[in-house]
Amino acid sequence: MRERVTCVHAGYCAAVGSDAIGGDAGVGNPGRPNSDLCACIQMLSVQPDTKPKGCAGCNRKIKDRYLLKALDKYWHEDCLKCACCDCRLGEVGSTLYTKANLILCRRDYLRPP
């Protein structure tokens, strides 16, 4: 597979104001369970000679020409959604957030508890 879009945030999430990937200051340590994380969504072009990937949302094979990669998992465009409002998060180069093991859009991530 060949990446078609690269991360425009360069590992920094302006919404939370801290290092989003790695490090242990505030949010963003993917090695800790239940830690908050900001990640970019990338679109990958499927090469004809590769085995179809399984979608993390529906568990079916992704047979489309393009697939999304987010949080080191592969998704159909329609399967990558916010756990709260169900809005589609499949915009290339956009950002998604996780909190309490839920995938969220920016609005729901920033919503007070």
PDB file of N, CA and C in Angstrom:
ATOM      1  N   MET A   1       0.827  -1.177   0.000  1.00  0.00           N
ATOM      2  CA  MET A   1       0.000   0.000   0.000  1.00  0.00           C
ATOM      3  C   MET A   1       0.871   1.241   0.000  1.00  0.00           C
ATOM      4  N   ARG A   2       0.350   2.267  -0.595  1.00  0.00           N
ATOM      5  CA  ARG A   2       1.082   3.518  -0.700  1.00  0.00           C
ATOM      6  C   ARG A   2       0.240   4.607  -0.048  1.00  0.00           C
ATOM      7  N   GLU A   3       0.860   5.372   0.844  1.00  0.00           N
ATOM      8  CA  GLU A   3       0.126   6.438   1.506  1.00  0.00           C
ATOM      9  C   GLU A   3      -0.124   7.570   0.532  1.00  0.00           C
ATOM     10  N   ARG A   4      -1.347   8.042   0.466  1.00  0.00           N
ATOM     11  CA  ARG A   4      -1.712   9.115  -0.444  1.00  0.00           C
ATOM     12  C   ARG A   4      -1.682  10.473   0.244  1.00  0.00           C
ATOM     13  N   VAL A   5      -1.896  10.504   1.549  1.00  0.00           N
ATOM     14  CA  VAL A   5      -1.942  11.762   2.286  1.00  0.00           C
ATOM     15  C   VAL A   5      -1.103  11.602   3.532  1.00  0.00           C
ATOM     16  N   THR A   6      -0.324  12.602   3.857  1.00  0.00           N
ATOM     17  CA  THR A   6       0.479  12.533   5.069  1.00  0.00           C
ATOM     18  C   THR A   6      -0.138  13.400   6.148  1.00  0.00           C
ATOM     19  N   CYS A   7       0.262  13.168   7.359  1.00  0.00           N
ATOM     20  CA  CYS A   7      -0.268  13.898   8.510  1.00  0.00           C
ATOM     21  C   CYS A   7       0.105  15.372   8.401  1.00  0.00           C
ATOM     22  N   VAL A   8      -0.884  16.239   8.488  1.00  0.00           N
ATOM     23  CA  VAL A   8      -0.613  17.672   8.419  1.00  0.00           C
ATOM     24  C   VAL A   8      -0.382  18.268   9.801  1.00  0.00           C
ATOM     25  N   HIS A   9      -0.615  17.492  10.820  1.00  0.00           N
ATOM     26  CA  HIS A   9      -0.464  17.994  12.183  1.00  0.00           C
ATOM     27  C   HIS A   9       0.928  17.746  12.740  1.00  0.00           C
ATOM     28  N   ALA A  10       1.726  16.942  12.089  1.00  0.00           N
ATOM     29  CA  ALA A  10       3.102  16.641  12.493  1.00  0.00           C
ATOM     30  C   ALA A  10       3.193  16.242  13.957  1.00  0.00           C
ATOM     31  N   GLY A  11       2.214  15.472  14.419  1.00  0.00           N
ATOM     32  CA  GLY A  11       2.270  14.975  15.789  1.00  0.00           C
ATOM     33  C   GLY A  11       1.856  15.982  16.833  1.00  0.00           C
ATOM     34  N   TYR A  12       1.285  17.114  16.438  1.00  0.00           N
ATOM     35  CA  TYR A  12       0.890  18.118  17.417  1.00  0.00           C
ATOM     36  C   TYR A  12      -0.590  18.396  17.264  1.00  0.00           C
ATOM     37  N   CYS A  13      -1.310  18.356  18.333  1.00  0.00           N
ATOM     38  CA  CYS A  13      -2.741  18.606  18.293  1.00  0.00           C
ATOM     39  C   CYS A  13      -3.033  19.961  18.917  1.00  0.00           C
ATOM     40  N   ALA A  14      -3.422  20.927  18.117  1.00  0.00           N
ATOM     41  CA  ALA A  14      -3.686  22.274  18.619  1.00  0.00           C
ATOM     42  C   ALA A  14      -4.911  22.309  19.526  1.00  0.00           C
ATOM     43  N   ALA A  15      -5.824  21.364  19.339  1.00  0.00           N
ATOM     44  CA  ALA A  15      -7.044  21.380  20.142  1.00  0.00           C
ATOM     45  C   ALA A  15      -6.767  21.122  21.612  1.00  0.00           C
ATOM     46  N   VAL A  16      -5.816  20.274  21.906  1.00  0.00           N
ATOM     47  CA  VAL A  16      -5.503  19.978  23.301  1.00  0.00           C
ATOM     48  C   VAL A  16      -4.219  20.644  23.740  1.00  0.00           C
ATOM     49  N   GLY A  17      -3.476  21.210  22.801  1.00  0.00           N
ATOM     50  CA  GLY A  17      -2.308  22.006  23.139  1.00  0.00           C
ATOM     51  C   GLY A  17      -1.139  21.227  23.686  1.00  0.00           C
ATOM     52  N   SER A  18      -0.971  20.002  23.270  1.00  0.00           N
ATOM     53  CA  SER A  18       0.182  19.231  23.734  1.00  0.00           C
ATOM     54  C   SER A  18       0.596  18.239  22.670  1.00  0.00           C
ATOM     55  N   ASP A  19       1.711  17.600  22.906  1.00  0.00           N
ATOM     56  CA  ASP A  19       2.206  16.596  21.973  1.00  0.00           C
ATOM     57  C   ASP A  19       1.166  15.495  21.853  1.00  0.00           C
ATOM     58  N   ALA A  20       0.702  15.227  20.655  1.00  0.00           N
ATOM     59  CA  ALA A  20      -0.408  14.303  20.479  1.00  0.00           C
ATOM     60  C   ALA A  20       0.025  12.864  20.291  1.00  0.00           C
ATOM     61  N   ILE A  21       1.201  12.645  19.802  1.00  0.00           N
ATOM     62  CA  ILE A  21       1.660  11.282  19.567  1.00  0.00           C
ATOM     63  C   ILE A  21       2.940  11.086  20.359  1.00  0.00           C
ATOM     64  N   GLY A  22       2.917  10.196  21.313  1.00  0.00           N
ATOM     65  CA  GLY A  22       4.095   9.926  22.130  1.00  0.00           C
ATOM     66  C   GLY A  22       4.234  10.914  23.269  1.00  0.00           C
ATOM     67  N   GLY A  23       5.286  10.755  24.028  1.00  0.00           N
ATOM     68  CA  GLY A  23       5.505  11.635  25.171  1.00  0.00           C
ATOM     69  C   GLY A  23       4.569  11.289  26.310  1.00  0.00           C
ATOM     70  N   ASP A  24       4.821  11.870  27.472  1.00  0.00           N
ATOM     71  CA  ASP A  24       3.953  11.566  28.596  1.00  0.00           C
ATOM     72  C   ASP A  24       3.405  12.820  29.260  1.00  0.00           C
ATOM     73  N   ALA A  25       3.487  13.954  28.598  1.00  0.00           N
ATOM     74  CA  ALA A  25       2.961  15.183  29.164  1.00  0.00           C
ATOM     75  C   ALA A  25       1.494  15.326  28.805  1.00  0.00           C
ATOM     76  N   GLY A  26       0.629  15.267  29.766  1.00  0.00           N
ATOM     77  CA  GLY A  26      -0.805  15.458  29.540  1.00  0.00           C
ATOM     78  C   GLY A  26      -1.403  14.332  28.737  1.00  0.00           C
ATOM     79  N   VAL A  27      -1.857  14.627  27.546  1.00  0.00           N
ATOM     80  CA  VAL A  27      -2.486  13.605  26.710  1.00  0.00           C
ATOM     81  C   VAL A  27      -1.485  13.062  25.723  1.00  0.00           C
ATOM     82  N   GLY A  28      -1.839  11.963  25.110  1.00  0.00           N
ATOM     83  CA  GLY A  28      -1.093  11.518  23.952  1.00  0.00           C
ATOM     84  C   GLY A  28      -0.140  10.377  24.136  1.00  0.00           C
ATOM     85  N   ASN A  29      -0.200   9.639  25.217  1.00  0.00           N
ATOM     86  CA  ASN A  29       0.697   8.502  25.350  1.00  0.00           C
ATOM     87  C   ASN A  29      -0.052   7.248  24.948  1.00  0.00           C
ATOM     88  N   PRO A  30       0.100   6.797  23.689  1.00  0.00           N
ATOM     89  CA  PRO A  30      -0.664   5.654  23.226  1.00  0.00           C
ATOM     90  C   PRO A  30      -0.334   4.361  23.951  1.00  0.00           C
ATOM     91  N   GLY A  31       0.755   4.302  24.676  1.00  0.00           N
ATOM     92  CA  GLY A  31       1.103   3.098  25.410  1.00  0.00           C
ATOM     93  C   GLY A  31       0.312   2.925  26.691  1.00  0.00           C
ATOM     94  N   ARG A  32      -0.313   3.986  27.168  1.00  0.00           N
ATOM     95  CA  ARG A  32      -1.102   3.909  28.399  1.00  0.00           C
ATOM     96  C   ARG A  32      -2.541   3.587  28.061  1.00  0.00           C
ATOM     97  N   PRO A  33      -3.160   2.634  28.758  1.00  0.00           N
ATOM     98  CA  PRO A  33      -4.566   2.357  28.514  1.00  0.00           C
ATOM     99  C   PRO A  33      -5.414   3.576  28.879  1.00  0.00           C
ATOM    100  N   ASN A  34      -6.471   3.824  28.107  1.00  0.00           N
ATOM    101  CA  ASN A  34      -7.415   4.914  28.334  1.00  0.00           C
ATOM    102  C   ASN A  34      -6.803   6.300  28.223  1.00  0.00           C
ATOM    103  N   SER A  35      -5.611   6.419  27.655  1.00  0.00           N
ATOM    104  CA  SER A  35      -5.038   7.753  27.485  1.00  0.00           C
ATOM    105  C   SER A  35      -5.703   8.429  26.298  1.00  0.00           C
ATOM    106  N   ASP A  36      -5.795   9.745  26.332  1.00  0.00           N
ATOM    107  CA  ASP A  36      -6.369  10.500  25.226  1.00  0.00           C
ATOM    108  C   ASP A  36      -5.375  10.507  24.076  1.00  0.00           C
ATOM    109  N   LEU A  37      -5.884  10.589  22.874  1.00  0.00           N
ATOM    110  CA  LEU A  37      -5.015  10.537  21.709  1.00  0.00           C
ATOM    111  C   LEU A  37      -5.650  11.305  20.567  1.00  0.00           C
ATOM    112  N   CYS A  38      -4.847  12.062  19.890  1.00  0.00           N
ATOM    113  CA  CYS A  38      -5.261  12.759  18.675  1.00  0.00           C
ATOM    114  C   CYS A  38      -4.509  12.100  17.528  1.00  0.00           C
ATOM    115  N   ALA A  39      -5.192  11.768  16.466  1.00  0.00           N
ATOM    116  CA  ALA A  39      -4.523  11.092  15.361  1.00  0.00           C
ATOM    117  C   ALA A  39      -5.091  11.559  14.042  1.00  0.00           C
ATOM    118  N   CYS A  40      -4.263  11.545  13.037  1.00  0.00           N
ATOM    119  CA  CYS A  40      -4.708  11.927  11.698  1.00  0.00           C
ATOM    120  C   CYS A  40      -5.235  10.706  10.959  1.00  0.00           C
ATOM    121  N   ILE A  41      -6.122  10.977  10.020  1.00  0.00           N
ATOM    122  CA  ILE A  41      -6.689   9.937   9.179  1.00  0.00           C
ATOM    123  C   ILE A  41      -5.965   9.988   7.840  1.00  0.00           C
ATOM    124  N   GLN A  42      -5.490   8.848   7.375  1.00  0.00           N
ATOM    125  CA  GLN A  42      -4.785   8.777   6.105  1.00  0.00           C
ATOM    126  C   GLN A  42      -5.557   7.884   5.149  1.00  0.00           C
ATOM    127  N   MET A  43      -5.533   8.248   3.870  1.00  0.00           N
ATOM    128  CA  MET A  43      -6.141   7.400   2.854  1.00  0.00           C
ATOM    129  C   MET A  43      -5.032   6.638   2.149  1.00  0.00           C
ATOM    130  N   LEU A  44      -5.232   5.343   2.009  1.00  0.00           N
ATOM    131  CA  LEU A  44      -4.248   4.493   1.360  1.00  0.00           C
ATOM    132  C   LEU A  44      -4.827   3.947   0.070  1.00  0.00           C
ATOM    133  N   SER A  45      -3.983   3.822  -0.911  1.00  0.00           N
ATOM    134  CA  SER A  45      -4.359   3.227  -2.181  1.00  0.00           C
ATOM    135  C   SER A  45      -4.053   1.739  -2.110  1.00  0.00           C
ATOM    136  N   VAL A  46      -5.036   0.908  -2.396  1.00  0.00           N
ATOM    137  CA  VAL A  46      -4.856  -0.538  -2.329  1.00  0.00           C
ATOM    138  C   VAL A  46      -4.151  -1.011  -3.591  1.00  0.00           C
ATOM    139  N   GLN A  47      -3.063  -1.718  -3.418  1.00  0.00           N
ATOM    140  CA  GLN A  47      -2.336  -2.277  -4.552  1.00  0.00           C
ATOM    141  C   GLN A  47      -3.003  -3.595  -4.949  1.00  0.00           C
ATOM    142  N   PRO A  48      -3.104  -3.894  -6.238  1.00  0.00           N
ATOM    143  CA  PRO A  48      -3.815  -5.092  -6.691  1.00  0.00           C
ATOM    144  C   PRO A  48      -3.242  -6.400  -6.161  1.00  0.00           C
ATOM    145  N   ASP A  49      -1.969  -6.428  -5.827  1.00  0.00           N
ATOM    146  CA  ASP A  49      -1.351  -7.681  -5.397  1.00  0.00           C
ATOM    147  C   ASP A  49      -1.401  -7.892  -3.883  1.00  0.00           C
ATOM    148  N   THR A  50      -2.071  -7.022  -3.140  1.00  0.00           N
ATOM    149  CA  THR A  50      -2.128  -7.178  -1.689  1.00  0.00           C
ATOM    150  C   THR A  50      -3.426  -7.850  -1.264  1.00  0.00           C
ATOM    151  N   LYS A  51      -3.355  -8.562  -0.164  1.00  0.00           N
ATOM    152  CA  LYS A  51      -4.513  -9.233   0.399  1.00  0.00           C
ATOM    153  C   LYS A  51      -5.450  -8.182   1.008  1.00  0.00           C
ATOM    154  N   PRO A  52      -6.772  -8.312   0.843  1.00  0.00           N
ATOM    155  CA  PRO A  52      -7.692  -7.324   1.414  1.00  0.00           C
ATOM    156  C   PRO A  52      -7.556  -7.238   2.933  1.00  0.00           C
ATOM    157  N   LYS A  53      -7.613  -6.016   3.440  1.00  0.00           N
ATOM    158  CA  LYS A  53      -7.546  -5.780   4.881  1.00  0.00           C
ATOM    159  C   LYS A  53      -8.942  -5.905   5.470  1.00  0.00           C
ATOM    160  N   GLY A  54      -9.005  -6.226   6.751  1.00  0.00           N
ATOM    161  CA  GLY A  54     -10.276  -6.275   7.455  1.00  0.00           C
ATOM    162  C   GLY A  54     -10.591  -4.920   8.073  1.00  0.00           C
ATOM    163  N   CYS A  55     -11.839  -4.505   8.002  1.00  0.00           N
ATOM    164  CA  CYS A  55     -12.275  -3.228   8.556  1.00  0.00           C
ATOM    165  C   CYS A  55     -12.434  -3.352  10.068  1.00  0.00           C
ATOM    166  N   ALA A  56     -11.883  -2.381  10.809  1.00  0.00           N
ATOM    167  CA  ALA A  56     -11.993  -2.386  12.270  1.00  0.00           C
ATOM    168  C   ALA A  56     -13.408  -2.068  12.730  1.00  0.00           C
ATOM    169  N   GLY A  57     -14.226  -1.475  11.861  1.00  0.00           N
ATOM    170  CA  GLY A  57     -15.590  -1.123  12.240  1.00  0.00           C
ATOM    171  C   GLY A  57     -16.584  -2.249  12.049  1.00  0.00           C
ATOM    172  N   CYS A  58     -16.549  -2.897  10.882  1.00  0.00           N
ATOM    173  CA  CYS A  58     -17.553  -3.922  10.566  1.00  0.00           C
ATOM    174  C   CYS A  58     -16.966  -5.329  10.466  1.00  0.00           C
ATOM    175  N   ASN A  59     -15.658  -5.448  10.533  1.00  0.00           N
ATOM    176  CA  ASN A  59     -14.945  -6.731  10.445  1.00  0.00           C
ATOM    177  C   ASN A  59     -15.040  -7.408   9.078  1.00  0.00           C
ATOM    178  N   ARG A  60     -15.556  -6.712   8.064  1.00  0.00           N
ATOM    179  CA  ARG A  60     -15.589  -7.278   6.715  1.00  0.00           C
ATOM    180  C   ARG A  60     -14.343  -6.857   5.950  1.00  0.00           C
ATOM    181  N   LYS A  61     -14.026  -7.588   4.910  1.00  0.00           N
ATOM    182  CA  LYS A  61     -12.874  -7.260   4.067  1.00  0.00           C
ATOM    183  C   LYS A  61     -13.118  -5.943   3.339  1.00  0.00           C
ATOM    184  N   ILE A  62     -12.065  -5.162   3.206  1.00  0.00           N
ATOM    185  CA  ILE A  62     -12.150  -3.903   2.471  1.00  0.00           C
ATOM    186  C   ILE A  62     -11.742  -4.191   1.034  1.00  0.00           C
ATOM    187  N   LYS A  63     -12.705  -4.156   0.137  1.00  0.00           N
ATOM    188  CA  LYS A  63     -12.460  -4.463  -1.268  1.00  0.00           C
ATOM    189  C   LYS A  63     -12.497  -3.210  -2.131  1.00  0.00           C
ATOM    190  N   ASP A  64     -12.664  -2.050  -1.496  1.00  0.00           N
ATOM    191  CA  ASP A  64     -12.701  -0.780  -2.218  1.00  0.00           C
ATOM    192  C   ASP A  64     -11.322  -0.453  -2.765  1.00  0.00           C
ATOM    193  N   ARG A  65     -11.279   0.503  -3.668  1.00  0.00           N
ATOM    194  CA  ARG A  65     -10.004   0.927  -4.237  1.00  0.00           C
ATOM    195  C   ARG A  65      -9.157   1.656  -3.196  1.00  0.00           C
ATOM    196  N   TYR A  66      -9.819   2.388  -2.307  1.00  0.00           N
ATOM    197  CA  TYR A  66      -9.124   3.118  -1.253  1.00  0.00           C
ATOM    198  C   TYR A  66      -9.656   2.683   0.098  1.00  0.00           C
ATOM    199  N   LEU A  67      -8.814   2.791   1.105  1.00  0.00           N
ATOM    200  CA  LEU A  67      -9.233   2.507   2.465  1.00  0.00           C
ATOM    201  C   LEU A  67      -8.617   3.556   3.372  1.00  0.00           C
ATOM    202  N   LEU A  68      -9.160   3.684   4.571  1.00  0.00           N
ATOM    203  CA  LEU A  68      -8.649   4.648   5.534  1.00  0.00           C
ATOM    204  C   LEU A  68      -7.805   3.940   6.574  1.00  0.00           C
ATOM    205  N   LYS A  69      -6.776   4.614   7.024  1.00  0.00           N
ATOM    206  CA  LYS A  69      -5.968   4.095   8.115  1.00  0.00           C
ATOM    207  C   LYS A  69      -5.990   5.132   9.228  1.00  0.00           C
ATOM    208  N   ALA A  70      -6.441   4.715  10.401  1.00  0.00           N
ATOM    209  CA  ALA A  70      -6.485   5.590  11.568  1.00  0.00           C
ATOM    210  C   ALA A  70      -6.240   4.738  12.800  1.00  0.00           C
ATOM    211  N   LEU A  71      -5.411   5.234  13.706  1.00  0.00           N
ATOM    212  CA  LEU A  71      -5.074   4.517  14.940  1.00  0.00           C
ATOM    213  C   LEU A  71      -4.515   3.130  14.644  1.00  0.00           C
ATOM    214  N   ASP A  72      -3.720   3.031  13.585  1.00  0.00           N
ATOM    215  CA  ASP A  72      -3.088   1.774  13.169  1.00  0.00           C
ATOM    216  C   ASP A  72      -4.087   0.678  12.822  1.00  0.00           C
ATOM    217  N   LYS A  73      -5.300   1.064  12.433  1.00  0.00           N
ATOM    218  CA  LYS A  73      -6.317   0.118  11.989  1.00  0.00           C
ATOM    219  C   LYS A  73      -6.838   0.592  10.641  1.00  0.00           C
ATOM    220  N   TYR A  74      -7.466  -0.317   9.903  1.00  0.00           N
ATOM    221  CA  TYR A  74      -7.996  -0.010   8.580  1.00  0.00           C
ATOM    222  C   TYR A  74      -9.520   0.048   8.640  1.00  0.00           C
ATOM    223  N   TRP A  75     -10.112   0.951   7.848  1.00  0.00           N
ATOM    224  CA  TRP A  75     -11.543   1.223   7.923  1.00  0.00           C
ATOM    225  C   TRP A  75     -12.130   1.442   6.531  1.00  0.00           C
ATOM    226  N   HIS A  76     -13.405   1.063   6.335  1.00  0.00           N
ATOM    227  CA  HIS A  76     -14.184   1.565   5.210  1.00  0.00           C
ATOM    228  C   HIS A  76     -14.478   3.031   5.511  1.00  0.00           C
ATOM    229  N   GLU A  77     -14.675   3.842   4.480  1.00  0.00           N
ATOM    230  CA  GLU A  77     -15.000   5.255   4.705  1.00  0.00           C
ATOM    231  C   GLU A  77     -16.263   5.422   5.544  1.00  0.00           C
ATOM    232  N   ASP A  78     -17.258   4.583   5.334  1.00  0.00           N
ATOM    233  CA  ASP A  78     -18.516   4.703   6.069  1.00  0.00           C
ATOM    234  C   ASP A  78     -18.460   4.135   7.479  1.00  0.00           C
ATOM    235  N   CYS A  79     -17.444   3.377   7.816  1.00  0.00           N
ATOM    236  CA  CYS A  79     -17.367   2.730   9.131  1.00  0.00           C
ATOM    237  C   CYS A  79     -16.631   3.554  10.183  1.00  0.00           C
ATOM    238  N   LEU A  80     -15.849   4.520   9.764  1.00  0.00           N
ATOM    239  CA  LEU A  80     -15.098   5.339  10.716  1.00  0.00           C
ATOM    240  C   LEU A  80     -15.994   6.491  11.157  1.00  0.00           C
ATOM    241  N   LYS A  81     -16.618   6.339  12.341  1.00  0.00           N
ATOM    242  CA  LYS A  81     -17.613   7.296  12.833  1.00  0.00           C
ATOM    243  C   LYS A  81     -17.349   7.649  14.289  1.00  0.00           C
ATOM    244  N   CYS A  82     -17.886   8.796  14.696  1.00  0.00           N
ATOM    245  CA  CYS A  82     -17.827   9.230  16.088  1.00  0.00           C
ATOM    246  C   CYS A  82     -18.749   8.341  16.922  1.00  0.00           C
ATOM    247  N   ALA A  83     -18.272   7.902  18.077  1.00  0.00           N
ATOM    248  CA  ALA A  83     -19.061   7.026  18.939  1.00  0.00           C
ATOM    249  C   ALA A  83     -20.237   7.754  19.586  1.00  0.00           C
ATOM    250  N   CYS A  84     -20.188   9.081  19.669  1.00  0.00           N
ATOM    251  CA  CYS A  84     -21.280   9.840  20.297  1.00  0.00           C
ATOM    252  C   CYS A  84     -22.347  10.281  19.300  1.00  0.00           C
ATOM    253  N   CYS A  85     -21.940  11.013  18.281  1.00  0.00           N
ATOM    254  CA  CYS A  85     -22.926  11.611  17.366  1.00  0.00           C
ATOM    255  C   CYS A  85     -23.059  10.853  16.049  1.00  0.00           C
ATOM    256  N   ASP A  86     -22.236   9.838  15.825  1.00  0.00           N
ATOM    257  CA  ASP A  86     -22.304   8.994  14.632  1.00  0.00           C
ATOM    258  C   ASP A  86     -21.927   9.724  13.343  1.00  0.00           C
ATOM    259  N   CYS A  87     -21.269  10.893  13.457  1.00  0.00           N
ATOM    260  CA  CYS A  87     -20.852  11.594  12.239  1.00  0.00           C
ATOM    261  C   CYS A  87     -19.662  10.867  11.621  1.00  0.00           C
ATOM    262  N   ARG A  88     -19.569  10.953  10.305  1.00  0.00           N
ATOM    263  CA  ARG A  88     -18.474  10.292   9.589  1.00  0.00           C
ATOM    264  C   ARG A  88     -17.175  11.034   9.835  1.00  0.00           C
ATOM    265  N   LEU A  89     -16.120  10.288  10.101  1.00  0.00           N
ATOM    266  CA  LEU A  89     -14.807  10.868  10.350  1.00  0.00           C
ATOM    267  C   LEU A  89     -13.846  10.574   9.214  1.00  0.00           C
ATOM    268  N   GLY A  90     -14.350  10.117   8.104  1.00  0.00           N
ATOM    269  CA  GLY A  90     -13.512   9.670   7.004  1.00  0.00           C
ATOM    270  C   GLY A  90     -12.961  10.743   6.101  1.00  0.00           C
ATOM    271  N   GLU A  91     -12.919  11.973   6.528  1.00  0.00           N
ATOM    272  CA  GLU A  91     -12.327  13.024   5.710  1.00  0.00           C
ATOM    273  C   GLU A  91     -10.813  12.894   5.761  1.00  0.00           C
ATOM    274  N   VAL A  92     -10.182  12.840   4.620  1.00  0.00           N
ATOM    275  CA  VAL A  92      -8.737  12.665   4.543  1.00  0.00           C
ATOM    276  C   VAL A  92      -8.039  13.866   5.164  1.00  0.00           C
ATOM    277  N   GLY A  93      -7.074  13.599   6.019  1.00  0.00           N
ATOM    278  CA  GLY A  93      -6.315  14.658   6.661  1.00  0.00           C
ATOM    279  C   GLY A  93      -6.998  15.244   7.872  1.00  0.00           C
ATOM    280  N   SER A  94      -8.238  14.833   8.146  1.00  0.00           N
ATOM    281  CA  SER A  94      -8.904  15.347   9.332  1.00  0.00           C
ATOM    282  C   SER A  94      -8.386  14.610  10.560  1.00  0.00           C
ATOM    283  N   THR A  95      -8.824  15.052  11.705  1.00  0.00           N
ATOM    284  CA  THR A  95      -8.319  14.513  12.958  1.00  0.00           C
ATOM    285  C   THR A  95      -9.439  13.818  13.703  1.00  0.00           C
ATOM    286  N   LEU A  96      -9.101  12.734  14.365  1.00  0.00           N
ATOM    287  CA  LEU A  96     -10.049  12.095  15.262  1.00  0.00           C
ATOM    288  C   LEU A  96      -9.411  12.026  16.638  1.00  0.00           C
ATOM    289  N   TYR A  97     -10.226  11.796  17.635  1.00  0.00           N
ATOM    290  CA  TYR A  97      -9.760  11.785  19.018  1.00  0.00           C
ATOM    291  C   TYR A  97     -10.277  10.537  19.708  1.00  0.00           C
ATOM    292  N   THR A  98      -9.556  10.078  20.711  1.00  0.00           N
ATOM    293  CA  THR A  98     -10.043   8.969  21.517  1.00  0.00           C
ATOM    294  C   THR A  98     -10.063   9.390  22.972  1.00  0.00           C
ATOM    295  N   LYS A  99     -11.069   8.925  23.662  1.00  0.00           N
ATOM    296  CA  LYS A  99     -11.195   9.150  25.097  1.00  0.00           C
ATOM    297  C   LYS A  99     -11.968   7.965  25.646  1.00  0.00           C
ATOM    298  N   ALA A 100     -11.462   7.362  26.708  1.00  0.00           N
ATOM    299  CA  ALA A 100     -12.103   6.196  27.321  1.00  0.00           C
ATOM    300  C   ALA A 100     -12.371   5.105  26.281  1.00  0.00           C
ATOM    301  N   ASN A 101     -11.406   4.894  25.396  1.00  0.00           N
ATOM    302  CA  ASN A 101     -11.478   3.875  24.345  1.00  0.00           C
ATOM    303  C   ASN A 101     -12.598   4.105  23.333  1.00  0.00           C
ATOM    304  N   LEU A 102     -13.087   5.337  23.206  1.00  0.00           N
ATOM    305  CA  LEU A 102     -14.087   5.689  22.209  1.00  0.00           C
ATOM    306  C   LEU A 102     -13.456   6.587  21.156  1.00  0.00           C
ATOM    307  N   ILE A 103     -13.829   6.400  19.898  1.00  0.00           N
ATOM    308  CA  ILE A 103     -13.381   7.282  18.823  1.00  0.00           C
ATOM    309  C   ILE A 103     -14.378   8.427  18.737  1.00  0.00           C
ATOM    310  N   LEU A 104     -13.864   9.660  18.787  1.00  0.00           N
ATOM    311  CA  LEU A 104     -14.728  10.832  18.838  1.00  0.00           C
ATOM    312  C   LEU A 104     -14.340  11.868  17.791  1.00  0.00           C
ATOM    313  N   CYS A 105     -15.313  12.681  17.398  1.00  0.00           N
ATOM    314  CA  CYS A 105     -15.036  13.860  16.587  1.00  0.00           C
ATOM    315  C   CYS A 105     -14.534  14.958  17.531  1.00  0.00           C
ATOM    316  N   ARG A 106     -14.025  16.029  16.967  1.00  0.00           N
ATOM    317  CA  ARG A 106     -13.470  17.115  17.783  1.00  0.00           C
ATOM    318  C   ARG A 106     -14.528  17.720  18.709  1.00  0.00           C
ATOM    319  N   ARG A 107     -15.724  17.948  18.177  1.00  0.00           N
ATOM    320  CA  ARG A 107     -16.788  18.566  18.974  1.00  0.00           C
ATOM    321  C   ARG A 107     -17.134  17.730  20.205  1.00  0.00           C
ATOM    322  N   ASP A 108     -17.293  16.418  20.029  1.00  0.00           N
ATOM    323  CA  ASP A 108     -17.637  15.568  21.169  1.00  0.00           C
ATOM    324  C   ASP A 108     -16.458  15.367  22.109  1.00  0.00           C
ATOM    325  N   TYR A 109     -15.247  15.400  21.578  1.00  0.00           N
ATOM    326  CA  TYR A 109     -14.058  15.283  22.421  1.00  0.00           C
ATOM    327  C   TYR A 109     -13.938  16.482  23.360  1.00  0.00           C
ATOM    328  N   LEU A 110     -14.232  17.671  22.847  1.00  0.00           N
ATOM    329  CA  LEU A 110     -14.088  18.893  23.637  1.00  0.00           C
ATOM    330  C   LEU A 110     -15.307  19.202  24.498  1.00  0.00           C
ATOM    331  N   ARG A 111     -16.385  18.463  24.316  1.00  0.00           N
ATOM    332  CA  ARG A 111     -17.608  18.682  25.096  1.00  0.00           C
ATOM    333  C   ARG A 111     -17.339  18.378  26.570  1.00  0.00           C
ATOM    334  N   PRO A 112     -17.778  19.269  27.481  1.00  0.00           N
ATOM    335  CA  PRO A 112     -17.571  19.000  28.913  1.00  0.00           C
ATOM    336  C   PRO A 112     -18.377  17.781  29.360  1.00  0.00           C
ATOM    337  N   PRO A 113     -17.867  17.059  30.354  1.00  0.00           N
ATOM    338  CA  PRO A 113     -18.555  15.837  30.816  1.00  0.00           C
ATOM    339  C   PRO A 113     -19.899  16.099  31.455  1.00  0.00           C
TER     340      PRO A 113
END
